[in-house]
Amino acid sequence: MAGVNKVAARVRAYRERLGMSMEELAEKSAIEKKVIEQVESGAVLPALGVLTKISRALGQRLGTFMDDQFKADPI
């Protein structure tokens, strides 16, 4: 379950860093808002396709959300 929480925290952190609402992320990623909410709450670990769409919408590489060792964005 720790992996779910890491993904949830990272998705939420990057979305908030961009000042993006869940609705905006849902629209930009073509993922339902309900699914975004479930991902960010840690209720589900998103499928690879869903996480790919989210990462693209947030302007991040897919590995950012999957890496075990989190490193701060150098920018």
Protein backbone atom coordinates (compact mmCIF):
# COMPACT_ATOMS: atom_id res chain seq x y z
CA MET A 1 0.00 0.00 0.00
CA ALA A 2 3.01 2.31 0.41
CA GLY A 3 3.37 2.53 -3.38
CA VAL A 4 -0.18 3.79 -3.69
CA ASN A 5 0.48 6.53 -1.14
CA LYS A 6 3.68 7.62 -2.91
CA VAL A 7 1.91 7.90 -6.25
CA ALA A 8 -1.04 9.72 -4.65
CA ALA A 9 1.21 12.22 -2.88
CA ARG A 10 3.29 12.89 -5.97
CA VAL A 11 0.32 13.41 -8.29
CA ARG A 12 -1.29 15.79 -5.79
CA ALA A 13 1.98 17.66 -5.15
CA TYR A 14 2.72 18.25 -8.83
CA ARG A 15 -0.88 19.26 -9.56
CA GLU A 16 -0.87 21.74 -6.68
CA ARG A 17 2.57 23.05 -7.63
CA LEU A 18 1.11 23.96 -11.02
CA GLY A 19 -1.91 25.59 -9.40
CA MET A 20 -4.14 23.16 -11.27
CA SER A 21 -7.52 22.02 -9.95
CA MET A 22 -8.62 18.39 -10.15
CA GLU A 23 -11.13 19.45 -12.79
CA GLU A 24 -8.38 21.00 -14.89
CA LEU A 25 -6.20 17.91 -14.57
CA ALA A 26 -9.14 15.72 -15.51
CA GLU A 27 -9.83 17.80 -18.61
CA LYS A 28 -6.18 18.05 -19.66
CA SER A 29 -5.51 14.33 -19.15
CA ALA A 30 -8.86 13.08 -20.50
CA ILE A 31 -9.33 11.13 -17.26
CA GLU A 32 -12.57 11.40 -15.27
CA LYS A 33 -12.36 13.65 -12.20
CA LYS A 34 -13.62 10.75 -10.07
CA VAL A 35 -10.57 8.70 -11.10
CA ILE A 36 -8.22 11.63 -10.32
CA GLU A 37 -9.82 11.88 -6.87
CA GLN A 38 -9.34 8.14 -6.28
CA VAL A 39 -5.70 8.32 -7.37
CA GLU A 40 -4.92 11.34 -5.18
CA SER A 41 -6.69 9.87 -2.15
CA GLY A 42 -4.68 6.67 -2.49
CA ALA A 43 -7.83 4.61 -2.97
CA VAL A 44 -6.44 3.11 -6.19
CA LEU A 45 -3.10 2.60 -7.86
CA PRO A 46 -3.72 3.83 -11.39
CA ALA A 47 -3.19 1.64 -14.42
CA LEU A 48 -0.10 2.48 -16.44
CA GLY A 49 -2.16 4.12 -19.20
CA VAL A 50 -3.94 6.37 -16.71
CA LEU A 51 -0.70 7.34 -15.00
CA THR A 52 0.87 8.09 -18.39
CA LYS A 53 -1.96 10.50 -19.25
CA ILE A 54 -1.70 12.16 -15.83
CA SER A 55 2.07 12.53 -16.07
CA ARG A 56 1.81 14.10 -19.53
CA ALA A 57 -0.89 16.51 -18.34
CA LEU A 58 1.40 17.53 -15.47
CA GLY A 59 4.44 17.86 -17.75
CA GLN A 60 6.40 15.16 -15.93
CA ARG A 61 8.04 11.95 -17.04
CA LEU A 62 6.23 8.77 -16.04
CA GLY A 63 9.11 7.67 -13.81
CA THR A 64 8.57 10.71 -11.59
CA PHE A 65 5.52 8.99 -10.14
CA MET A 66 6.91 5.47 -10.11
CA ASP A 67 10.48 5.82 -8.83
CA ASP A 68 11.11 4.38 -5.40
CA GLN A 69 13.69 7.03 -4.64
CA PHE A 70 12.08 10.42 -4.96
CA LYS A 71 14.38 13.26 -5.93
CA ALA A 72 13.31 16.85 -5.96
CA ASP A 73 12.81 18.34 -9.39
CA PRO A 74 16.09 20.10 -10.23
CA ILE A 75 14.27 23.09 -11.73
